N, C-alpha and C. Protein backbone atom coordinates (compact mmCIF):
# COMPACT_ATOMS: atom_id res chain seq x y z
N UNK A 1 33.27 19.03 -57.57
CA UNK A 1 33.84 20.34 -57.86
C UNK A 1 35.39 19.96 -58.52
N UNK A 2 35.71 21.00 -59.34
CA UNK A 2 36.99 21.22 -60.02
C UNK A 2 38.03 21.55 -59.20
N UNK A 3 39.20 21.14 -59.40
CA UNK A 3 40.41 21.51 -58.40
C UNK A 3 40.72 23.06 -58.87
N UNK A 4 40.88 23.71 -57.73
CA UNK A 4 41.11 25.21 -57.54
C UNK A 4 42.49 25.25 -57.40
N UNK A 5 43.25 26.40 -57.87
CA UNK A 5 44.82 26.59 -57.68
C UNK A 5 45.08 28.06 -57.10
N UNK A 6 46.20 28.33 -56.62
CA UNK A 6 46.55 29.69 -56.22
C UNK A 6 47.98 29.82 -56.40
N UNK A 7 48.58 30.76 -56.92
CA UNK A 7 50.16 30.90 -56.97
C UNK A 7 50.65 30.66 -58.21
N UNK A 8 52.08 30.33 -58.31
CA UNK A 8 52.45 30.31 -59.64
C UNK A 8 53.78 29.29 -59.37
N UNK A 9 54.32 28.71 -60.26
CA UNK A 9 55.38 27.93 -60.44
C UNK A 9 56.85 28.53 -60.50
N UNK A 10 56.63 29.86 -60.43
CA UNK A 10 57.97 30.90 -60.45
C UNK A 10 58.91 30.78 -59.05
N UNK A 11 59.96 31.12 -59.46
CA UNK A 11 61.12 31.21 -58.06
C UNK A 11 60.32 32.03 -57.04
N UNK A 12 60.75 31.77 -55.95
CA UNK A 12 60.12 32.47 -54.77
C UNK A 12 58.80 32.66 -54.70
N UNK A 13 58.09 31.49 -55.16
CA UNK A 13 56.55 31.51 -54.79
C UNK A 13 56.08 30.07 -54.68
N UNK A 14 54.90 29.84 -54.53
CA UNK A 14 54.08 28.50 -54.09
C UNK A 14 53.07 28.43 -54.95
N UNK A 15 52.85 26.93 -55.42
CA UNK A 15 51.70 26.68 -56.32
C UNK A 15 50.75 25.88 -55.48
N UNK A 16 49.54 25.96 -55.00
CA UNK A 16 48.90 25.09 -54.40
C UNK A 16 47.53 24.85 -55.21
N UNK A 17 47.10 23.56 -54.82
CA UNK A 17 45.79 23.16 -55.51
C UNK A 17 45.02 22.51 -54.47
N UNK A 18 43.61 22.79 -54.42
CA UNK A 18 42.72 22.26 -53.38
C UNK A 18 41.90 21.41 -54.25
N UNK A 19 41.47 20.31 -53.80
CA UNK A 19 40.27 19.47 -54.25
C UNK A 19 39.65 18.82 -52.87
N UNK A 20 38.31 18.21 -53.21
CA UNK A 20 37.66 17.94 -52.10
C UNK A 20 38.16 16.40 -52.14
N UNK A 21 38.20 15.72 -50.75
CA UNK A 21 38.45 14.30 -50.98
C UNK A 21 37.20 13.78 -49.99
N UNK A 22 37.59 12.42 -50.00
CA UNK A 22 36.24 11.54 -49.41
C UNK A 22 36.65 11.10 -48.10
N UNK A 23 37.67 11.80 -47.33
CA UNK A 23 38.08 11.37 -45.92
C UNK A 23 36.85 12.30 -44.92
N UNK A 24 35.70 12.41 -44.76
CA UNK A 24 35.15 13.18 -44.16
C UNK A 24 35.57 14.35 -43.84
N UNK A 25 36.08 14.85 -42.68
CA UNK A 25 36.36 16.20 -42.24
C UNK A 25 38.08 16.22 -42.55
N UNK A 26 38.47 15.32 -42.80
CA UNK A 26 40.12 14.95 -42.89
C UNK A 26 40.76 16.13 -43.72
N UNK A 27 41.94 16.79 -43.42
CA UNK A 27 42.53 17.55 -44.35
C UNK A 27 43.85 16.97 -44.48
N UNK A 28 43.99 16.68 -45.86
CA UNK A 28 45.25 16.03 -46.29
C UNK A 28 46.12 17.12 -47.13
N UNK A 29 47.47 17.04 -46.61
CA UNK A 29 48.33 18.12 -47.25
C UNK A 29 49.48 17.55 -47.71
N UNK A 30 50.05 17.29 -49.09
CA UNK A 30 51.14 16.93 -49.76
C UNK A 30 51.99 17.92 -50.27
N UNK A 31 53.19 17.83 -49.79
CA UNK A 31 54.12 19.01 -50.04
C UNK A 31 55.54 18.56 -50.64
N UNK A 32 55.66 19.16 -52.04
CA UNK A 32 56.85 18.70 -52.77
C UNK A 32 57.64 20.17 -53.09
N UNK A 33 58.70 20.02 -53.86
CA UNK A 33 59.53 21.25 -54.03
C UNK A 33 60.89 21.30 -53.82
N UNK A 34 61.34 22.37 -54.15
CA UNK A 34 62.58 22.97 -53.86
C UNK A 34 62.97 22.82 -52.41
N UNK A 35 64.17 22.40 -51.81
CA UNK A 35 64.34 22.48 -50.37
C UNK A 35 63.42 22.10 -49.65
N UNK A 36 62.33 21.40 -49.97
CA UNK A 36 61.25 21.09 -49.15
C UNK A 36 61.60 20.38 -47.79
N UNK A 37 62.77 19.71 -48.00
CA UNK A 37 63.21 18.84 -46.46
C UNK A 37 63.79 19.99 -45.21
N UNK A 38 63.93 21.05 -45.87
CA UNK A 38 64.25 22.24 -44.85
C UNK A 38 63.34 22.83 -44.46
N UNK A 39 62.25 22.97 -45.06
CA UNK A 39 61.18 24.05 -44.74
C UNK A 39 59.86 23.14 -44.66
N UNK A 40 59.75 22.04 -44.79
CA UNK A 40 58.40 21.14 -44.52
C UNK A 40 57.65 21.82 -43.42
N UNK A 41 58.17 21.82 -42.36
CA UNK A 41 57.40 22.11 -41.06
C UNK A 41 57.05 23.27 -40.99
N UNK A 42 57.58 24.59 -41.58
CA UNK A 42 57.16 25.66 -41.68
C UNK A 42 56.14 25.79 -42.58
N UNK A 43 56.23 25.19 -43.85
CA UNK A 43 54.89 25.14 -44.78
C UNK A 43 53.93 24.68 -44.18
N UNK A 44 54.04 23.36 -43.57
CA UNK A 44 52.94 22.61 -43.05
C UNK A 44 52.27 23.50 -41.90
N UNK A 45 53.00 24.19 -40.93
CA UNK A 45 52.56 25.01 -40.13
C UNK A 45 51.63 26.04 -40.53
N UNK A 46 52.33 26.79 -41.69
CA UNK A 46 51.63 28.07 -42.19
C UNK A 46 50.39 27.65 -42.85
N UNK A 47 50.18 26.43 -43.54
CA UNK A 47 48.94 26.03 -44.35
C UNK A 47 47.94 25.80 -43.21
N UNK A 48 48.17 25.00 -42.26
CA UNK A 48 47.35 24.78 -41.20
C UNK A 48 46.85 25.73 -40.34
N UNK A 49 47.64 26.68 -40.21
CA UNK A 49 47.08 27.77 -39.41
C UNK A 49 46.13 28.45 -39.97
N UNK A 50 46.21 28.69 -41.34
CA UNK A 50 45.31 29.38 -42.03
C UNK A 50 43.90 28.59 -42.08
N UNK A 51 44.23 27.16 -42.60
CA UNK A 51 43.14 26.10 -42.77
C UNK A 51 42.33 26.21 -41.15
N UNK A 52 43.06 26.25 -40.33
CA UNK A 52 42.28 26.01 -38.94
C UNK A 52 41.33 27.25 -38.70
N UNK A 53 41.96 28.24 -39.08
CA UNK A 53 41.12 29.54 -38.96
C UNK A 53 39.78 29.49 -39.70
N UNK A 54 39.92 28.93 -40.98
CA UNK A 54 38.54 28.98 -41.57
C UNK A 54 37.85 27.62 -41.30
N UNK A 55 38.22 26.68 -40.30
CA UNK A 55 37.66 25.59 -39.90
C UNK A 55 37.52 24.50 -41.29
N UNK A 56 38.40 24.40 -41.99
CA UNK A 56 38.18 23.86 -43.21
C UNK A 56 38.47 22.34 -43.21
N UNK A 57 37.96 21.45 -43.44
CA UNK A 57 38.37 19.94 -43.79
C UNK A 57 37.72 19.43 -44.94
N UNK A 58 38.11 18.16 -45.09
CA UNK A 58 37.47 17.46 -46.28
C UNK A 58 38.07 18.07 -47.62
N UNK A 59 39.23 18.45 -47.63
CA UNK A 59 40.12 18.71 -48.76
C UNK A 59 41.45 18.17 -48.64
N UNK A 60 41.99 18.21 -49.97
CA UNK A 60 43.32 17.99 -50.02
C UNK A 60 44.15 19.01 -50.65
N UNK A 61 45.32 19.63 -49.90
CA UNK A 61 46.08 20.80 -50.49
C UNK A 61 47.38 19.96 -51.03
N UNK A 62 47.67 20.31 -52.56
CA UNK A 62 48.93 19.74 -52.99
C UNK A 62 49.78 20.99 -53.11
N UNK A 63 50.96 20.80 -52.61
CA UNK A 63 51.82 22.07 -52.61
C UNK A 63 52.90 21.88 -53.35
N UNK A 64 53.45 22.73 -54.05
CA UNK A 64 54.63 22.80 -54.82
C UNK A 64 55.45 23.98 -54.57
N UNK A 65 56.47 23.73 -53.53
CA UNK A 65 57.13 24.70 -53.11
C UNK A 65 58.32 25.29 -53.84
N UNK A 66 58.37 26.63 -54.22
CA UNK A 66 59.58 27.27 -55.00
C UNK A 66 60.18 28.47 -54.39
N UNK A 67 60.40 28.29 -53.09
CA UNK A 67 61.02 29.27 -52.18
C UNK A 67 60.04 30.42 -51.58
N UNK A 68 58.91 30.40 -51.67
CA UNK A 68 58.31 31.35 -50.94
C UNK A 68 58.40 31.67 -49.49
N UNK A 69 58.38 32.87 -49.08
CA UNK A 69 58.29 33.34 -47.78
C UNK A 69 56.75 32.78 -46.88
N UNK A 70 56.95 32.75 -45.69
CA UNK A 70 55.75 32.34 -44.85
C UNK A 70 54.47 33.44 -45.27
N UNK A 71 54.72 34.42 -45.39
CA UNK A 71 53.57 35.32 -45.64
C UNK A 71 52.84 35.22 -47.12
N UNK A 72 53.68 34.94 -48.03
CA UNK A 72 53.19 34.42 -49.25
C UNK A 72 52.52 32.96 -49.34
N UNK A 73 52.94 32.07 -48.55
CA UNK A 73 52.26 30.94 -48.34
C UNK A 73 50.93 31.09 -47.62
N UNK A 74 50.88 31.79 -46.68
CA UNK A 74 49.57 32.15 -46.06
C UNK A 74 48.66 32.92 -47.00
N UNK A 75 49.27 33.96 -47.66
CA UNK A 75 48.24 34.63 -48.72
C UNK A 75 47.75 33.58 -49.76
N UNK A 76 48.52 32.81 -50.14
CA UNK A 76 48.10 31.82 -51.22
C UNK A 76 47.09 30.82 -50.83
N UNK A 77 47.30 30.48 -49.53
CA UNK A 77 46.55 29.39 -48.83
C UNK A 77 45.12 30.08 -48.61
N UNK A 78 45.11 31.41 -48.09
CA UNK A 78 43.95 32.02 -47.70
C UNK A 78 42.94 32.44 -48.94
N UNK A 79 43.68 32.70 -50.04
CA UNK A 79 43.08 33.19 -51.35
C UNK A 79 42.21 31.93 -51.90
N UNK A 80 43.06 30.63 -51.90
CA UNK A 80 42.60 29.32 -52.43
C UNK A 80 41.34 29.06 -51.55
N UNK A 81 41.29 29.12 -50.27
CA UNK A 81 40.20 28.61 -49.21
C UNK A 81 39.15 29.55 -49.68
N UNK A 82 39.16 30.73 -49.82
CA UNK A 82 38.31 32.11 -50.01
C UNK A 82 37.55 31.52 -51.31
N UNK A 83 38.21 31.19 -52.29
CA UNK A 83 37.57 30.76 -53.76
C UNK A 83 36.76 29.49 -53.47
N UNK A 84 37.48 28.62 -52.75
CA UNK A 84 36.67 27.40 -52.36
C UNK A 84 35.36 27.58 -51.64
N UNK A 85 35.51 28.35 -50.55
CA UNK A 85 34.38 28.55 -49.84
C UNK A 85 33.16 29.31 -50.71
N UNK A 86 33.76 30.12 -51.59
CA UNK A 86 32.62 30.83 -52.36
C UNK A 86 32.12 30.02 -53.42
N UNK A 87 32.96 29.11 -54.16
CA UNK A 87 32.29 28.35 -54.90
C UNK A 87 31.40 27.26 -54.22
N UNK A 88 31.68 26.82 -53.33
CA UNK A 88 31.08 25.58 -52.59
C UNK A 88 29.56 26.28 -52.06
N UNK A 89 29.67 27.94 -51.76
CA UNK A 89 28.37 28.44 -51.11
C UNK A 89 27.27 28.48 -52.25
N UNK A 90 27.88 28.67 -53.34
CA UNK A 90 26.96 28.98 -54.80
C UNK A 90 26.71 27.66 -55.54
N UNK A 91 27.25 26.53 -54.87
CA UNK A 91 27.06 25.38 -55.48
C UNK A 91 27.67 24.94 -56.76
N UNK A 92 28.80 25.49 -56.92
CA UNK A 92 29.61 25.03 -58.30
C UNK A 92 30.35 23.83 -57.96
């Protein structure tokens, strides 16, 4: 499967990519970006909350943070997971 993405690299947004990994059901999360040291825990918790709601695993999220609010992070994550689940269900 190709790498999927959601968001932009614009100010006050977040850019997230999702790819499958070979670590069974483990979810890997890599976070970089502006002021990430201040908000890393919030970003992590928001993404994990959405991922857990979809019971998703075996993927890697790479996050580039550009100052997005939590509701934007949650929306970008959910749209990305939905794209992934849709592509997986039709075998792409």
